[in-house]
PDB file of N, CA and C in Angstrom:
ATOM      1  N   UNK A   1      33.876 -42.957 -16.493  1.00  0.00           N
ATOM      2  CA  UNK A   1      32.984 -42.233 -15.608  1.00  0.00           C
ATOM      3  C   UNK A   1      33.757 -41.445 -14.545  1.00  0.00           C
ATOM      4  N   UNK A   2      34.960 -41.902 -14.212  1.00  0.00           N
ATOM      5  CA  UNK A   2      35.744 -41.220 -13.174  1.00  0.00           C
ATOM      6  C   UNK A   2      36.519 -40.024 -13.712  1.00  0.00           C
ATOM      7  N   UNK A   3      36.963 -40.110 -14.960  1.00  0.00           N
ATOM      8  CA  UNK A   3      37.754 -39.025 -15.556  1.00  0.00           C
ATOM      9  C   UNK A   3      36.849 -38.141 -16.392  1.00  0.00           C
ATOM     10  N   UNK A   4      36.974 -36.870 -16.367  1.00  0.00           N
ATOM     11  CA  UNK A   4      37.846 -36.042 -15.555  1.00  0.00           C
ATOM     12  C   UNK A   4      37.178 -35.520 -14.287  1.00  0.00           C
ATOM     13  N   UNK A   5      35.980 -36.004 -13.944  1.00  0.00           N
ATOM     14  CA  UNK A   5      35.252 -35.473 -12.790  1.00  0.00           C
ATOM     15  C   UNK A   5      35.995 -35.696 -11.482  1.00  0.00           C
ATOM     16  N   UNK A   6      36.443 -36.932 -11.237  1.00  0.00           N
ATOM     17  CA  UNK A   6      37.089 -37.252  -9.967  1.00  0.00           C
ATOM     18  C   UNK A   6      38.603 -37.223 -10.034  1.00  0.00           C
ATOM     19  N   UNK A   7      39.157 -37.519 -11.201  1.00  0.00           N
ATOM     20  CA  UNK A   7      40.601 -37.537 -11.394  1.00  0.00           C
ATOM     21  C   UNK A   7      40.889 -37.239 -12.861  1.00  0.00           C
ATOM     22  N   UNK A   8      41.894 -36.397 -13.104  1.00  0.00           N
ATOM     23  CA  UNK A   8      42.179 -35.985 -14.478  1.00  0.00           C
ATOM     24  C   UNK A   8      42.573 -37.161 -15.363  1.00  0.00           C
ATOM     25  N   UNK A   9      43.536 -37.931 -14.907  1.00  0.00           N
ATOM     26  CA  UNK A   9      44.009 -39.081 -15.671  1.00  0.00           C
ATOM     27  C   UNK A   9      44.189 -40.252 -14.719  1.00  0.00           C
ATOM     28  N   UNK A  10      43.429 -41.292 -14.910  1.00  0.00           N
ATOM     29  CA  UNK A  10      43.438 -42.431 -14.007  1.00  0.00           C
ATOM     30  C   UNK A  10      44.571 -43.396 -14.360  1.00  0.00           C
ATOM     31  N   UNK A  11      45.504 -43.650 -13.413  1.00  0.00           N
ATOM     32  CA  UNK A  11      46.580 -44.592 -13.687  1.00  0.00           C
ATOM     33  C   UNK A  11      46.010 -45.998 -13.876  1.00  0.00           C
ATOM     34  N   UNK A  12      46.638 -46.792 -14.721  1.00  0.00           N
ATOM     35  CA  UNK A  12      46.157 -48.139 -15.004  1.00  0.00           C
ATOM     36  C   UNK A  12      46.855 -49.213 -14.171  1.00  0.00           C
ATOM     37  N   UNK A  13      48.001 -48.885 -13.574  1.00  0.00           N
ATOM     38  CA  UNK A  13      48.785 -49.875 -12.816  1.00  0.00           C
ATOM     39  C   UNK A  13      49.061 -49.366 -11.406  1.00  0.00           C
ATOM     40  N   UNK A  14      49.108 -50.300 -10.438  1.00  0.00           N
ATOM     41  CA  UNK A  14      49.436 -49.928  -9.065  1.00  0.00           C
ATOM     42  C   UNK A  14      50.954 -49.962  -8.870  1.00  0.00           C
ATOM     43  N   UNK A  15      51.425 -49.825  -7.652  1.00  0.00           N
ATOM     44  CA  UNK A  15      52.852 -49.788  -7.350  1.00  0.00           C
ATOM     45  C   UNK A  15      53.580 -51.090  -7.630  1.00  0.00           C
ATOM     46  N   UNK A  16      52.832 -52.179  -7.818  1.00  0.00           N
ATOM     47  CA  UNK A  16      53.431 -53.481  -8.144  1.00  0.00           C
ATOM     48  C   UNK A  16      53.224 -53.818  -9.612  1.00  0.00           C
ATOM     49  N   UNK A  17      52.883 -52.820 -10.425  1.00  0.00           N
ATOM     50  CA  UNK A  17      52.660 -52.957 -11.878  1.00  0.00           C
ATOM     51  C   UNK A  17      51.521 -53.904 -12.219  1.00  0.00           C
ATOM     52  N   UNK A  18      50.523 -53.947 -11.357  1.00  0.00           N
ATOM     53  CA  UNK A  18      49.326 -54.748 -11.623  1.00  0.00           C
ATOM     54  C   UNK A  18      48.156 -53.814 -11.920  1.00  0.00           C
ATOM     55  N   UNK A  19      47.209 -54.305 -12.710  1.00  0.00           N
ATOM     56  CA  UNK A  19      46.022 -53.517 -13.022  1.00  0.00           C
ATOM     57  C   UNK A  19      45.201 -53.260 -11.767  1.00  0.00           C
ATOM     58  N   UNK A  20      44.623 -52.067 -11.685  1.00  0.00           N
ATOM     59  CA  UNK A  20      43.677 -51.760 -10.621  1.00  0.00           C
ATOM     60  C   UNK A  20      42.358 -52.467 -10.904  1.00  0.00           C
ATOM     61  N   UNK A  21      41.575 -52.677  -9.886  1.00  0.00           N
ATOM     62  CA  UNK A  21      40.218 -53.182 -10.002  1.00  0.00           C
ATOM     63  C   UNK A  21      39.303 -51.976  -9.823  1.00  0.00           C
ATOM     64  N   UNK A  22      38.456 -51.696 -10.807  1.00  0.00           N
ATOM     65  CA  UNK A  22      37.553 -50.545 -10.759  1.00  0.00           C
ATOM     66  C   UNK A  22      36.114 -51.030 -10.729  1.00  0.00           C
ATOM     67  N   UNK A  23      35.267 -50.309 -10.013  1.00  0.00           N
ATOM     68  CA  UNK A  23      33.838 -50.626 -10.002  1.00  0.00           C
ATOM     69  C   UNK A  23      33.034 -49.345  -9.790  1.00  0.00           C
ATOM     70  N   UNK A  24      31.855 -49.309 -10.381  1.00  0.00           N
ATOM     71  CA  UNK A  24      30.924 -48.204 -10.164  1.00  0.00           C
ATOM     72  C   UNK A  24      29.526 -48.773  -9.987  1.00  0.00           C
ATOM     73  N   UNK A  25      28.676 -48.019  -9.325  1.00  0.00           N
ATOM     74  CA  UNK A  25      27.279 -48.413  -9.227  1.00  0.00           C
ATOM     75  C   UNK A  25      26.626 -48.165 -10.579  1.00  0.00           C
ATOM     76  N   UNK A  26      25.480 -48.747 -10.794  1.00  0.00           N
ATOM     77  CA  UNK A  26      24.778 -48.602 -12.066  1.00  0.00           C
ATOM     78  C   UNK A  26      24.499 -47.165 -12.455  1.00  0.00           C
ATOM     79  N   UNK A  27      24.244 -46.314 -11.479  1.00  0.00           N
ATOM     80  CA  UNK A  27      23.949 -44.909 -11.771  1.00  0.00           C
ATOM     81  C   UNK A  27      25.192 -44.025 -11.747  1.00  0.00           C
ATOM     82  N   UNK A  28      26.362 -44.610 -11.458  1.00  0.00           N
ATOM     83  CA  UNK A  28      27.604 -43.852 -11.457  1.00  0.00           C
ATOM     84  C   UNK A  28      27.828 -42.986 -10.238  1.00  0.00           C
ATOM     85  N   UNK A  29      26.987 -43.115  -9.225  1.00  0.00           N
ATOM     86  CA  UNK A  29      27.110 -42.272  -8.037  1.00  0.00           C
ATOM     87  C   UNK A  29      28.106 -42.815  -7.011  1.00  0.00           C
ATOM     88  N   UNK A  30      28.423 -44.094  -7.088  1.00  0.00           N
ATOM     89  CA  UNK A  30      29.359 -44.733  -6.167  1.00  0.00           C
ATOM     90  C   UNK A  30      30.466 -45.371  -6.994  1.00  0.00           C
ATOM     91  N   UNK A  31      31.715 -45.166  -6.578  1.00  0.00           N
ATOM     92  CA  UNK A  31      32.830 -45.782  -7.302  1.00  0.00           C
ATOM     93  C   UNK A  31      33.826 -46.378  -6.319  1.00  0.00           C
ATOM     94  N   UNK A  32      34.607 -47.317  -6.803  1.00  0.00           N
ATOM     95  CA  UNK A  32      35.640 -47.925  -5.996  1.00  0.00           C
ATOM     96  C   UNK A  32      36.863 -48.227  -6.832  1.00  0.00           C
ATOM     97  N   UNK A  33      38.040 -48.050  -6.247  1.00  0.00           N
ATOM     98  CA  UNK A  33      39.315 -48.356  -6.887  1.00  0.00           C
ATOM     99  C   UNK A  33      40.071 -49.249  -5.919  1.00  0.00           C
ATOM    100  N   UNK A  34      40.608 -50.357  -6.427  1.00  0.00           N
ATOM    101  CA  UNK A  34      41.233 -51.334  -5.538  1.00  0.00           C
ATOM    102  C   UNK A  34      42.551 -51.830  -6.112  1.00  0.00           C
ATOM    103  N   UNK A  35      43.564 -51.861  -5.258  1.00  0.00           N
ATOM    104  CA  UNK A  35      44.842 -52.486  -5.580  1.00  0.00           C
ATOM    105  C   UNK A  35      44.877 -53.808  -4.819  1.00  0.00           C
ATOM    106  N   UNK A  36      45.275 -54.870  -5.497  1.00  0.00           N
ATOM    107  CA  UNK A  36      45.300 -56.194  -4.861  1.00  0.00           C
ATOM    108  C   UNK A  36      46.500 -56.377  -3.937  1.00  0.00           C
ATOM    109  N   UNK A  37      47.327 -55.363  -3.776  1.00  0.00           N
ATOM    110  CA  UNK A  37      48.483 -55.460  -2.888  1.00  0.00           C
ATOM    111  C   UNK A  37      49.635 -56.219  -3.520  1.00  0.00           C
ATOM    112  N   UNK A  38      50.660 -56.455  -2.738  1.00  0.00           N
ATOM    113  CA  UNK A  38      51.896 -57.058  -3.226  1.00  0.00           C
ATOM    114  C   UNK A  38      51.680 -58.449  -3.809  1.00  0.00           C
ATOM    115  N   UNK A  39      50.804 -59.255  -3.194  1.00  0.00           N
ATOM    116  CA  UNK A  39      50.606 -60.627  -3.663  1.00  0.00           C
ATOM    117  C   UNK A  39      49.691 -60.733  -4.879  1.00  0.00           C
ATOM    118  N   UNK A  40      49.003 -59.649  -5.234  1.00  0.00           N
ATOM    119  CA  UNK A  40      48.148 -59.642  -6.421  1.00  0.00           C
ATOM    120  C   UNK A  40      46.836 -60.387  -6.269  1.00  0.00           C
ATOM    121  N   UNK A  41      46.484 -60.777  -5.056  1.00  0.00           N
ATOM    122  CA  UNK A  41      45.258 -61.533  -4.808  1.00  0.00           C
ATOM    123  C   UNK A  41      44.218 -60.620  -4.161  1.00  0.00           C
ATOM    124  N   UNK A  42      43.036 -60.499  -4.787  1.00  0.00           N
ATOM    125  CA  UNK A  42      41.954 -59.724  -4.192  1.00  0.00           C
ATOM    126  C   UNK A  42      41.365 -60.528  -3.033  1.00  0.00           C
ATOM    127  N   UNK A  43      41.272 -59.897  -1.872  1.00  0.00           N
ATOM    128  CA  UNK A  43      40.768 -60.568  -0.675  1.00  0.00           C
ATOM    129  C   UNK A  43      39.602 -59.780  -0.095  1.00  0.00           C
ATOM    130  N   UNK A  44      38.960 -60.337   0.927  1.00  0.00           N
ATOM    131  CA  UNK A  44      37.879 -59.627   1.603  1.00  0.00           C
ATOM    132  C   UNK A  44      38.419 -58.333   2.199  1.00  0.00           C
ATOM    133  N   UNK A  45      37.634 -57.271   2.092  1.00  0.00           N
ATOM    134  CA  UNK A  45      38.034 -55.966   2.613  1.00  0.00           C
ATOM    135  C   UNK A  45      37.709 -55.895   4.096  1.00  0.00           C
ATOM    136  N   UNK A  46      38.707 -55.523   4.879  1.00  0.00           N
ATOM    137  CA  UNK A  46      38.528 -55.267   6.305  1.00  0.00           C
ATOM    138  C   UNK A  46      38.783 -53.778   6.493  1.00  0.00           C
ATOM    139  N   UNK A  47      37.729 -52.976   6.689  1.00  0.00           N
ATOM    140  CA  UNK A  47      37.912 -51.526   6.773  1.00  0.00           C
ATOM    141  C   UNK A  47      38.928 -51.122   7.839  1.00  0.00           C
ATOM    142  N   UNK A  48      39.725 -50.112   7.502  1.00  0.00           N
ATOM    143  CA  UNK A  48      40.697 -49.574   8.433  1.00  0.00           C
ATOM    144  C   UNK A  48      42.118 -49.790   7.964  1.00  0.00           C
ATOM    145  N   UNK A  49      43.077 -49.495   8.849  1.00  0.00           N
ATOM    146  CA  UNK A  49      44.497 -49.568   8.480  1.00  0.00           C
ATOM    147  C   UNK A  49      45.023 -51.002   8.483  1.00  0.00           C
ATOM    148  N   UNK A  50      46.102 -51.209   7.736  1.00  0.00           N
ATOM    149  CA  UNK A  50      46.787 -52.490   7.716  1.00  0.00           C
ATOM    150  C   UNK A  50      48.288 -52.244   7.666  1.00  0.00           C
ATOM    151  N   UNK A  51      49.058 -53.185   8.169  1.00  0.00           N
ATOM    152  CA  UNK A  51      50.516 -53.072   8.102  1.00  0.00           C
ATOM    153  C   UNK A  51      51.116 -54.184   7.240  1.00  0.00           C
ATOM    154  N   UNK A  52      50.283 -54.840   6.432  1.00  0.00           N
ATOM    155  CA  UNK A  52      50.757 -55.923   5.568  1.00  0.00           C
ATOM    156  C   UNK A  52      50.722 -55.510   4.105  1.00  0.00           C
ATOM    157  N   UNK A  53      51.829 -55.691   3.396  1.00  0.00           N
ATOM    158  CA  UNK A  53      51.897 -55.345   1.977  1.00  0.00           C
ATOM    159  C   UNK A  53      50.905 -56.154   1.139  1.00  0.00           C
ATOM    160  N   UNK A  54      50.583 -57.373   1.556  1.00  0.00           N
ATOM    161  CA  UNK A  54      49.690 -58.221   0.769  1.00  0.00           C
ATOM    162  C   UNK A  54      48.230 -57.788   0.844  1.00  0.00           C
ATOM    163  N   UNK A  55      47.852 -56.995   1.827  1.00  0.00           N
ATOM    164  CA  UNK A  55      46.464 -56.551   1.957  1.00  0.00           C
ATOM    165  C   UNK A  55      46.095 -55.587   0.828  1.00  0.00           C
ATOM    166  N   UNK A  56      44.845 -55.662   0.405  1.00  0.00           N
ATOM    167  CA  UNK A  56      44.346 -54.769  -0.633  1.00  0.00           C
ATOM    168  C   UNK A  56      44.288 -53.334  -0.115  1.00  0.00           C
ATOM    169  N   UNK A  57      44.385 -52.397  -1.045  1.00  0.00           N
ATOM    170  CA  UNK A  57      44.192 -50.980  -0.735  1.00  0.00           C
ATOM    171  C   UNK A  57      42.926 -50.569  -1.471  1.00  0.00           C
ATOM    172  N   UNK A  58      41.951 -50.039  -0.753  1.00  0.00           N
ATOM    173  CA  UNK A  58      40.644 -49.747  -1.329  1.00  0.00           C
ATOM    174  C   UNK A  58      40.284 -48.280  -1.091  1.00  0.00           C
ATOM    175  N   UNK A  59      39.901 -47.600  -2.177  1.00  0.00           N
ATOM    176  CA  UNK A  59      39.501 -46.193  -2.140  1.00  0.00           C
ATOM    177  C   UNK A  59      38.106 -46.094  -2.753  1.00  0.00           C
ATOM    178  N   UNK A  60      37.183 -45.423  -2.076  1.00  0.00           N
ATOM    179  CA  UNK A  60      35.822 -45.318  -2.589  1.00  0.00           C
ATOM    180  C   UNK A  60      35.217 -43.981  -2.199  1.00  0.00           C
ATOM    181  N   UNK A  61      34.650 -43.310  -3.170  1.00  0.00           N
ATOM    182  CA  UNK A  61      33.930 -42.047  -2.958  1.00  0.00           C
ATOM    183  C   UNK A  61      34.677 -41.038  -2.100  1.00  0.00           C
ATOM    184  N   UNK A  62      35.959 -40.864  -2.379  1.00  0.00           N
ATOM    185  CA  UNK A  62      36.740 -39.820  -1.729  1.00  0.00           C
ATOM    186  C   UNK A  62      37.415 -40.214  -0.432  1.00  0.00           C
ATOM    187  N   UNK A  63      37.333 -41.490  -0.037  1.00  0.00           N
ATOM    188  CA  UNK A  63      37.962 -41.937   1.208  1.00  0.00           C
ATOM    189  C   UNK A  63      38.594 -43.315   1.034  1.00  0.00           C
ATOM    190  N   UNK A  64      39.686 -43.524   1.761  1.00  0.00           N
ATOM    191  CA  UNK A  64      40.268 -44.858   1.795  1.00  0.00           C
ATOM    192  C   UNK A  64      39.442 -45.722   2.741  1.00  0.00           C
ATOM    193  N   UNK A  65      39.091 -46.916   2.299  1.00  0.00           N
ATOM    194  CA  UNK A  65      38.335 -47.866   3.106  1.00  0.00           C
ATOM    195  C   UNK A  65      39.312 -48.802   3.824  1.00  0.00           C
ATOM    196  N   UNK A  66      40.277 -49.327   3.087  1.00  0.00           N
ATOM    197  CA  UNK A  66      41.359 -50.140   3.640  1.00  0.00           C
ATOM    198  C   UNK A  66      42.655 -49.532   3.134  1.00  0.00           C
ATOM    199  N   UNK A  67      43.621 -49.303   4.025  1.00  0.00           N
ATOM    200  CA  UNK A  67      44.793 -48.514   3.649  1.00  0.00           C
ATOM    201  C   UNK A  67      46.009 -48.900   4.480  1.00  0.00           C
ATOM    202  N   UNK A  68      47.212 -48.664   3.929  1.00  0.00           N
ATOM    203  CA  UNK A  68      48.434 -48.956   4.690  1.00  0.00           C
ATOM    204  C   UNK A  68      48.678 -47.894   5.757  1.00  0.00           C
ATOM    205  N   UNK A  69      49.262 -48.346   6.860  1.00  0.00           N
ATOM    206  CA  UNK A  69      49.579 -47.417   7.943  1.00  0.00           C
ATOM    207  C   UNK A  69      50.795 -47.916   8.692  1.00  0.00           C
ATOM    208  N   UNK A  70      51.655 -46.993   9.098  1.00  0.00           N
ATOM    209  CA  UNK A  70      52.809 -47.340   9.910  1.00  0.00           C
ATOM    210  C   UNK A  70      53.854 -48.129   9.145  1.00  0.00           C
ATOM    211  N   UNK A  71      54.690 -48.843   9.877  1.00  0.00           N
ATOM    212  CA  UNK A  71      55.752 -49.647   9.289  1.00  0.00           C
ATOM    213  C   UNK A  71      55.135 -50.900   8.688  1.00  0.00           C
ATOM    214  N   UNK A  72      55.449 -51.147   7.427  1.00  0.00           N
ATOM    215  CA  UNK A  72      54.868 -52.287   6.731  1.00  0.00           C
ATOM    216  C   UNK A  72      55.643 -53.561   6.983  1.00  0.00           C
ATOM    217  N   UNK A  73      54.923 -54.641   7.202  1.00  0.00           N
ATOM    218  CA  UNK A  73      55.528 -55.962   7.393  1.00  0.00           C
ATOM    219  C   UNK A  73      55.503 -56.682   6.050  1.00  0.00           C
ATOM    220  N   UNK A  74      56.663 -57.184   5.651  1.00  0.00           N
ATOM    221  CA  UNK A  74      56.731 -57.876   4.356  1.00  0.00           C
ATOM    222  C   UNK A  74      56.317 -59.286   4.536  1.00  0.00           C
TER     223      UNK A  74
END
């Protein structure tokens, strides 16, 4: 449902070589793409920036919901 409307070719692995988590609403109008971060564990989403590699990265409907910012703490 995402290709080719939103992205030409959707990558299957994140920067840590783990599968992305994908979700769409039943009507296809809302979508989400999630990386589980360095630790590979999906956690509760806290909207806004994070400086921890283990935090998930979440992108939905053209905007990042949870995202890395600044110097990352390992």
